[in-house]
Amino acid sequence: MHRQFLAITGIMLATLLAGCMEQVEQQEPRQTTQPKYMNIAITGLTAKESGIIDRKVTISCQATNTGDPGWVTIKAYVKYNDQVHDWKDARIHLDSGQQKMVSLEVDIKELGGSYYYGVNYQDPEPD
């Protein structure tokens, strides 16, 4: 009688353990995802003025992405007395490691005094 009890208890334990092992094996492995990011650098800034009456400046630069691929807005602007008076932008796609030449034509308004121009980027959106 004692042997039958031990045999039945052993079978029940083996069945229970087998069921637990099966549940563990069926669980899907958890994947952790790293946040995506773009690493944008603006280099090679140049400007070329044109026109006598309707003056414009073509502002060019190299936009380079060393992060994840995605979309970014490149903005070229003209400032007088530390205030932006005109700007143009372009939304471009950059792959990882890609460099792209961007040229934008911005109006120069005759407000007296000197102006300066610049380029920045905004709204990076990885794929």
N, C-alpha and C. Protein backbone atom coordinates (compact mmCIF):
# COMPACT_ATOMS: atom_id res chain seq x y z
N MET A 1 0.82 -1.19 0.00
CA MET A 1 0.00 0.00 0.00
C MET A 1 0.87 1.26 0.00
N HIS A 2 1.92 1.20 0.79
CA HIS A 2 2.83 2.35 0.87
C HIS A 2 3.53 2.58 -0.48
N ARG A 3 3.88 1.47 -1.14
CA ARG A 3 4.54 1.57 -2.44
C ARG A 3 3.58 2.14 -3.48
N GLN A 4 2.32 1.74 -3.43
CA GLN A 4 1.34 2.27 -4.39
C GLN A 4 1.16 3.77 -4.19
N PHE A 5 1.11 4.19 -2.95
CA PHE A 5 0.97 5.62 -2.66
C PHE A 5 2.16 6.40 -3.20
N LEU A 6 3.37 5.89 -2.98
CA LEU A 6 4.58 6.55 -3.49
C LEU A 6 4.59 6.56 -5.02
N ALA A 7 4.17 5.48 -5.64
CA ALA A 7 4.15 5.41 -7.10
C ALA A 7 3.15 6.40 -7.68
N ILE A 8 1.97 6.48 -7.08
CA ILE A 8 0.94 7.42 -7.56
C ILE A 8 1.40 8.85 -7.33
N THR A 9 1.99 9.13 -6.18
CA THR A 9 2.50 10.48 -5.88
C THR A 9 3.61 10.85 -6.86
N GLY A 10 4.49 9.90 -7.18
CA GLY A 10 5.58 10.15 -8.13
C GLY A 10 5.04 10.46 -9.52
N ILE A 11 4.03 9.72 -9.95
CA ILE A 11 3.43 9.95 -11.27
C ILE A 11 2.77 11.32 -11.31
N MET A 12 2.08 11.67 -10.23
CA MET A 12 1.42 12.98 -10.18
C MET A 12 2.45 14.11 -10.21
N LEU A 13 3.53 13.96 -9.47
CA LEU A 13 4.58 14.98 -9.47
C LEU A 13 5.23 15.10 -10.85
N ALA A 14 5.50 13.98 -11.49
CA ALA A 14 6.11 14.00 -12.82
C ALA A 14 5.19 14.67 -13.82
N THR A 15 3.89 14.39 -13.75
CA THR A 15 2.92 15.02 -14.65
C THR A 15 2.85 16.52 -14.41
N LEU A 16 2.83 16.90 -13.16
CA LEU A 16 2.76 18.31 -12.81
C LEU A 16 4.02 19.06 -13.28
N LEU A 17 5.19 18.49 -13.05
CA LEU A 17 6.44 19.11 -13.49
C LEU A 17 6.52 19.20 -15.01
N ALA A 18 6.05 18.17 -15.70
CA ALA A 18 6.06 18.18 -17.17
C ALA A 18 5.18 19.31 -17.69
N GLY A 19 4.03 19.51 -17.06
CA GLY A 19 3.13 20.60 -17.47
C GLY A 19 3.77 21.96 -17.23
N CYS A 20 4.45 22.12 -16.11
CA CYS A 20 5.13 23.41 -15.82
C CYS A 20 6.25 23.66 -16.81
N MET A 21 7.02 22.63 -17.14
CA MET A 21 8.12 22.80 -18.10
C MET A 21 7.58 23.18 -19.47
N GLU A 22 6.46 22.58 -19.86
CA GLU A 22 5.86 22.90 -21.15
C GLU A 22 5.41 24.36 -21.20
N GLN A 23 4.85 24.87 -20.12
CA GLN A 23 4.43 26.27 -20.07
C GLN A 23 5.63 27.20 -20.17
N VAL A 24 6.71 26.86 -19.52
CA VAL A 24 7.92 27.70 -19.57
C VAL A 24 8.47 27.73 -20.98
N GLU A 25 8.50 26.58 -21.67
CA GLU A 25 9.03 26.52 -23.02
C GLU A 25 8.16 27.28 -24.02
N GLN A 26 6.85 27.38 -23.77
CA GLN A 26 5.96 28.04 -24.71
C GLN A 26 5.98 29.56 -24.59
N GLN A 27 6.53 30.12 -23.52
CA GLN A 27 6.59 31.57 -23.38
C GLN A 27 7.53 32.14 -24.43
N GLU A 28 7.09 33.22 -25.07
CA GLU A 28 7.93 33.86 -26.08
C GLU A 28 9.01 34.69 -25.41
N PRO A 29 10.20 34.68 -25.99
CA PRO A 29 11.27 35.49 -25.39
C PRO A 29 10.93 36.97 -25.52
N ARG A 30 11.25 37.74 -24.52
CA ARG A 30 10.99 39.18 -24.53
C ARG A 30 12.11 39.88 -25.27
N GLN A 31 11.72 40.79 -26.12
CA GLN A 31 12.71 41.56 -26.87
C GLN A 31 12.71 42.99 -26.35
N THR A 32 13.89 43.49 -26.11
CA THR A 32 14.00 44.89 -25.72
C THR A 32 14.41 45.69 -26.95
N THR A 33 13.73 46.78 -27.19
CA THR A 33 14.04 47.61 -28.35
C THR A 33 14.76 48.87 -27.89
N GLN A 34 15.83 49.16 -28.56
CA GLN A 34 16.58 50.38 -28.28
C GLN A 34 15.86 51.54 -28.95
N PRO A 35 15.78 52.68 -28.29
CA PRO A 35 15.17 53.84 -28.95
C PRO A 35 16.01 54.26 -30.15
N LYS A 36 15.33 54.64 -31.21
CA LYS A 36 16.03 55.09 -32.41
C LYS A 36 16.35 56.57 -32.29
N TYR A 37 17.45 56.97 -32.88
CA TYR A 37 17.81 58.38 -32.88
C TYR A 37 18.62 58.70 -34.13
N MET A 38 18.52 59.94 -34.54
CA MET A 38 19.32 60.44 -35.66
C MET A 38 20.41 61.33 -35.08
N ASN A 39 21.58 61.27 -35.66
CA ASN A 39 22.68 62.13 -35.24
C ASN A 39 23.07 62.98 -36.45
N ILE A 40 22.56 64.20 -36.49
CA ILE A 40 22.71 65.09 -37.65
C ILE A 40 23.85 66.07 -37.42
N ALA A 41 24.66 66.26 -38.45
CA ALA A 41 25.72 67.28 -38.43
C ALA A 41 25.56 68.14 -39.68
N ILE A 42 25.67 69.46 -39.50
CA ILE A 42 25.61 70.41 -40.61
C ILE A 42 27.02 70.96 -40.80
N THR A 43 27.56 70.82 -42.01
CA THR A 43 28.92 71.30 -42.31
C THR A 43 28.94 71.98 -43.68
N GLY A 44 30.05 72.61 -44.00
CA GLY A 44 30.25 73.18 -45.33
C GLY A 44 29.29 74.29 -45.69
N LEU A 45 28.98 75.15 -44.74
CA LEU A 45 28.02 76.24 -44.97
C LEU A 45 28.61 77.26 -45.94
N THR A 46 27.88 77.54 -47.03
CA THR A 46 28.28 78.57 -48.00
C THR A 46 27.06 79.40 -48.39
N ALA A 47 27.33 80.59 -48.90
CA ALA A 47 26.24 81.46 -49.36
C ALA A 47 26.68 82.20 -50.61
N LYS A 48 25.76 82.35 -51.55
CA LYS A 48 26.04 83.08 -52.79
C LYS A 48 24.89 84.05 -53.03
N GLU A 49 25.21 85.34 -53.05
CA GLU A 49 24.19 86.36 -53.27
C GLU A 49 23.93 86.53 -54.76
N SER A 50 22.70 86.93 -55.08
CA SER A 50 22.33 87.21 -56.46
C SER A 50 21.26 88.29 -56.50
N GLY A 51 21.16 88.96 -57.65
CA GLY A 51 20.14 89.99 -57.86
C GLY A 51 20.58 91.36 -57.36
N ILE A 52 20.00 92.38 -58.02
CA ILE A 52 20.29 93.76 -57.62
C ILE A 52 19.06 94.34 -56.92
N ILE A 53 17.89 94.20 -57.54
CA ILE A 53 16.67 94.73 -56.95
C ILE A 53 16.04 93.69 -56.02
N ASP A 54 15.79 92.51 -56.54
CA ASP A 54 15.27 91.41 -55.73
C ASP A 54 16.46 90.56 -55.28
N ARG A 55 17.09 90.96 -54.22
CA ARG A 55 18.29 90.27 -53.75
C ARG A 55 17.92 88.97 -53.04
N LYS A 56 18.72 87.98 -53.33
CA LYS A 56 18.53 86.66 -52.72
C LYS A 56 19.90 86.11 -52.35
N VAL A 57 19.87 85.16 -51.46
CA VAL A 57 21.09 84.44 -51.12
C VAL A 57 20.75 82.95 -51.17
N THR A 58 21.60 82.19 -51.87
CA THR A 58 21.47 80.75 -51.90
C THR A 58 22.39 80.19 -50.84
N ILE A 59 21.81 79.59 -49.83
CA ILE A 59 22.55 79.04 -48.71
C ILE A 59 22.64 77.53 -48.90
N SER A 60 23.86 77.01 -48.86
CA SER A 60 24.09 75.59 -49.08
C SER A 60 24.86 74.99 -47.90
N CYS A 61 24.63 73.71 -47.67
CA CYS A 61 25.36 72.99 -46.62
C CYS A 61 25.32 71.50 -46.90
N GLN A 62 26.14 70.78 -46.18
CA GLN A 62 26.11 69.31 -46.20
C GLN A 62 25.41 68.85 -44.93
N ALA A 63 24.40 68.04 -45.06
CA ALA A 63 23.73 67.43 -43.91
C ALA A 63 24.15 65.97 -43.85
N THR A 64 24.68 65.55 -42.69
CA THR A 64 25.18 64.19 -42.53
C THR A 64 24.47 63.53 -41.35
N ASN A 65 24.06 62.29 -41.55
CA ASN A 65 23.40 61.52 -40.49
C ASN A 65 24.27 60.32 -40.14
N THR A 66 24.73 60.25 -38.89
CA THR A 66 25.49 59.08 -38.44
C THR A 66 24.66 58.21 -37.49
N GLY A 67 23.37 58.52 -37.36
CA GLY A 67 22.48 57.72 -36.51
C GLY A 67 21.57 56.84 -37.35
N ASP A 68 20.40 56.59 -36.84
CA ASP A 68 19.42 55.77 -37.55
C ASP A 68 18.83 56.56 -38.72
N PRO A 69 18.38 55.88 -39.79
CA PRO A 69 17.79 56.59 -40.93
C PRO A 69 16.48 57.27 -40.54
N GLY A 70 16.15 58.33 -41.27
CA GLY A 70 14.89 59.02 -41.00
C GLY A 70 14.80 60.36 -41.71
N TRP A 71 13.78 61.13 -41.34
CA TRP A 71 13.48 62.43 -41.93
C TRP A 71 13.91 63.55 -40.98
N VAL A 72 14.38 64.65 -41.57
CA VAL A 72 14.79 65.81 -40.79
C VAL A 72 14.50 67.06 -41.63
N THR A 73 14.22 68.17 -40.96
CA THR A 73 13.99 69.45 -41.63
C THR A 73 15.27 70.29 -41.54
N ILE A 74 15.75 70.74 -42.69
CA ILE A 74 16.90 71.64 -42.75
C ILE A 74 16.34 73.04 -43.00
N LYS A 75 16.74 74.00 -42.17
CA LYS A 75 16.21 75.36 -42.24
C LYS A 75 17.35 76.35 -42.47
N ALA A 76 17.25 77.12 -43.57
CA ALA A 76 18.20 78.20 -43.86
C ALA A 76 17.52 79.53 -43.58
N TYR A 77 18.26 80.48 -42.98
CA TYR A 77 17.64 81.73 -42.58
C TYR A 77 18.59 82.91 -42.76
N VAL A 78 17.98 84.11 -42.85
CA VAL A 78 18.72 85.38 -42.88
C VAL A 78 18.26 86.18 -41.68
N LYS A 79 19.23 86.71 -40.93
CA LYS A 79 18.93 87.51 -39.73
C LYS A 79 19.44 88.93 -39.89
N TYR A 80 18.66 89.89 -39.41
CA TYR A 80 19.07 91.28 -39.25
C TYR A 80 18.92 91.60 -37.77
N ASN A 81 19.91 92.19 -37.18
CA ASN A 81 19.85 92.58 -35.76
C ASN A 81 19.33 91.43 -34.88
N ASP A 82 19.87 90.26 -35.08
CA ASP A 82 19.54 89.06 -34.28
C ASP A 82 18.09 88.60 -34.40
N GLN A 83 17.38 89.02 -35.44
CA GLN A 83 16.01 88.56 -35.66
C GLN A 83 15.90 87.96 -37.05
N VAL A 84 15.25 86.82 -37.14
CA VAL A 84 15.05 86.16 -38.43
C VAL A 84 14.03 86.96 -39.24
N HIS A 85 14.44 87.34 -40.47
CA HIS A 85 13.52 88.07 -41.34
C HIS A 85 13.03 87.24 -42.51
N ASP A 86 13.76 86.22 -42.87
CA ASP A 86 13.26 85.32 -43.91
C ASP A 86 13.95 83.97 -43.72
N TRP A 87 13.24 82.91 -44.11
CA TRP A 87 13.79 81.57 -44.02
C TRP A 87 13.09 80.65 -44.99
N LYS A 88 13.76 79.59 -45.34
CA LYS A 88 13.19 78.52 -46.16
C LYS A 88 13.62 77.21 -45.52
N ASP A 89 12.81 76.17 -45.71
CA ASP A 89 13.20 74.88 -45.17
C ASP A 89 12.90 73.76 -46.16
N ALA A 90 13.52 72.63 -45.93
CA ALA A 90 13.31 71.45 -46.77
C ALA A 90 13.31 70.22 -45.86
N ARG A 91 12.35 69.35 -46.07
CA ARG A 91 12.28 68.08 -45.34
C ARG A 91 12.99 67.03 -46.18
N ILE A 92 14.03 66.42 -45.63
CA ILE A 92 14.82 65.45 -46.40
C ILE A 92 14.92 64.14 -45.64
N HIS A 93 15.18 63.07 -46.38
CA HIS A 93 15.41 61.76 -45.77
C HIS A 93 16.90 61.45 -45.86
N LEU A 94 17.47 61.00 -44.74
CA LEU A 94 18.87 60.61 -44.70
C LEU A 94 18.99 59.19 -44.16
N ASP A 95 19.70 58.35 -44.90
CA ASP A 95 20.01 57.01 -44.40
C ASP A 95 21.16 57.11 -43.40
N SER A 96 21.43 56.05 -42.72
CA SER A 96 22.55 56.03 -41.79
C SER A 96 23.86 56.15 -42.57
N GLY A 97 24.70 57.10 -42.18
CA GLY A 97 25.97 57.32 -42.87
C GLY A 97 25.86 58.15 -44.14
N GLN A 98 24.68 58.62 -44.47
CA GLN A 98 24.48 59.39 -45.70
C GLN A 98 24.77 60.86 -45.50
N GLN A 99 25.35 61.47 -46.55
CA GLN A 99 25.59 62.91 -46.57
C GLN A 99 24.85 63.47 -47.78
N LYS A 100 24.16 64.59 -47.59
CA LYS A 100 23.38 65.17 -48.67
C LYS A 100 23.59 66.68 -48.72
N MET A 101 23.79 67.21 -49.94
CA MET A 101 23.92 68.65 -50.16
C MET A 101 22.52 69.25 -50.20
N VAL A 102 22.32 70.31 -49.42
CA VAL A 102 21.03 71.01 -49.38
C VAL A 102 21.29 72.47 -49.73
N SER A 103 20.54 73.00 -50.70
CA SER A 103 20.63 74.41 -51.09
C SER A 103 19.25 75.04 -51.06
N LEU A 104 19.15 76.17 -50.38
CA LEU A 104 17.87 76.88 -50.24
C LEU A 104 18.08 78.35 -50.57
N GLU A 105 17.14 78.92 -51.33
CA GLU A 105 17.22 80.33 -51.72
C GLU A 105 16.34 81.17 -50.80
N VAL A 106 16.97 82.16 -50.15
CA VAL A 106 16.29 83.00 -49.17
C VAL A 106 16.37 84.45 -49.62
N ASP A 107 15.28 85.21 -49.43
CA ASP A 107 15.26 86.63 -49.80
C ASP A 107 16.11 87.46 -48.84
N ILE A 108 16.77 88.49 -49.40
CA ILE A 108 17.48 89.46 -48.59
C ILE A 108 16.68 90.75 -48.67
N LYS A 109 16.14 91.18 -47.58
CA LYS A 109 15.36 92.42 -47.56
C LYS A 109 16.29 93.56 -47.17
N GLU A 110 16.16 94.67 -47.88
CA GLU A 110 16.99 95.85 -47.58
C GLU A 110 16.42 96.57 -46.37
N LEU A 111 16.97 96.29 -45.23
CA LEU A 111 16.51 96.93 -44.01
C LEU A 111 17.58 97.87 -43.45
N GLY A 112 18.66 98.00 -44.14
CA GLY A 112 19.77 98.80 -43.64
C GLY A 112 20.57 98.00 -42.64
N GLY A 113 21.85 98.20 -42.64
CA GLY A 113 22.71 97.45 -41.73
C GLY A 113 23.10 96.11 -42.33
N SER A 114 23.81 95.36 -41.56
CA SER A 114 24.31 94.09 -42.07
C SER A 114 23.39 92.94 -41.65
N TYR A 115 23.53 91.88 -42.36
CA TYR A 115 22.76 90.68 -42.06
C TYR A 115 23.72 89.50 -41.96
N TYR A 116 23.26 88.42 -41.42
CA TYR A 116 24.01 87.18 -41.49
C TYR A 116 23.04 86.03 -41.72
N TYR A 117 23.58 84.95 -42.16
CA TYR A 117 22.76 83.81 -42.53
C TYR A 117 23.22 82.59 -41.72
N GLY A 118 22.38 81.60 -41.71
CA GLY A 118 22.72 80.37 -41.01
C GLY A 118 21.83 79.22 -41.42
N VAL A 119 22.15 78.06 -40.90
CA VAL A 119 21.39 76.83 -41.17
C VAL A 119 21.29 76.06 -39.87
N ASN A 120 20.15 75.46 -39.64
CA ASN A 120 20.02 74.53 -38.54
C ASN A 120 19.10 73.38 -38.97
N TYR A 121 18.97 72.42 -38.11
CA TYR A 121 18.04 71.32 -38.40
C TYR A 121 17.07 71.20 -37.24
N GLN A 122 15.91 70.63 -37.54
CA GLN A 122 14.88 70.45 -36.52
C GLN A 122 14.00 69.26 -36.88
N ASP A 123 13.25 68.81 -35.91
CA ASP A 123 12.25 67.73 -36.08
C ASP A 123 12.80 66.43 -36.68
N PRO A 124 13.93 65.91 -36.13
CA PRO A 124 14.38 64.61 -36.65
C PRO A 124 13.36 63.53 -36.30
N GLU A 125 13.06 62.68 -37.26
CA GLU A 125 12.06 61.62 -37.08
C GLU A 125 12.60 60.32 -37.65
N PRO A 126 13.20 59.47 -36.78
CA PRO A 126 13.74 58.20 -37.28
C PRO A 126 12.66 57.30 -37.89
N ASP A 127 13.06 56.50 -38.87
CA ASP A 127 12.13 55.56 -39.50
C ASP A 127 11.68 54.51 -38.51
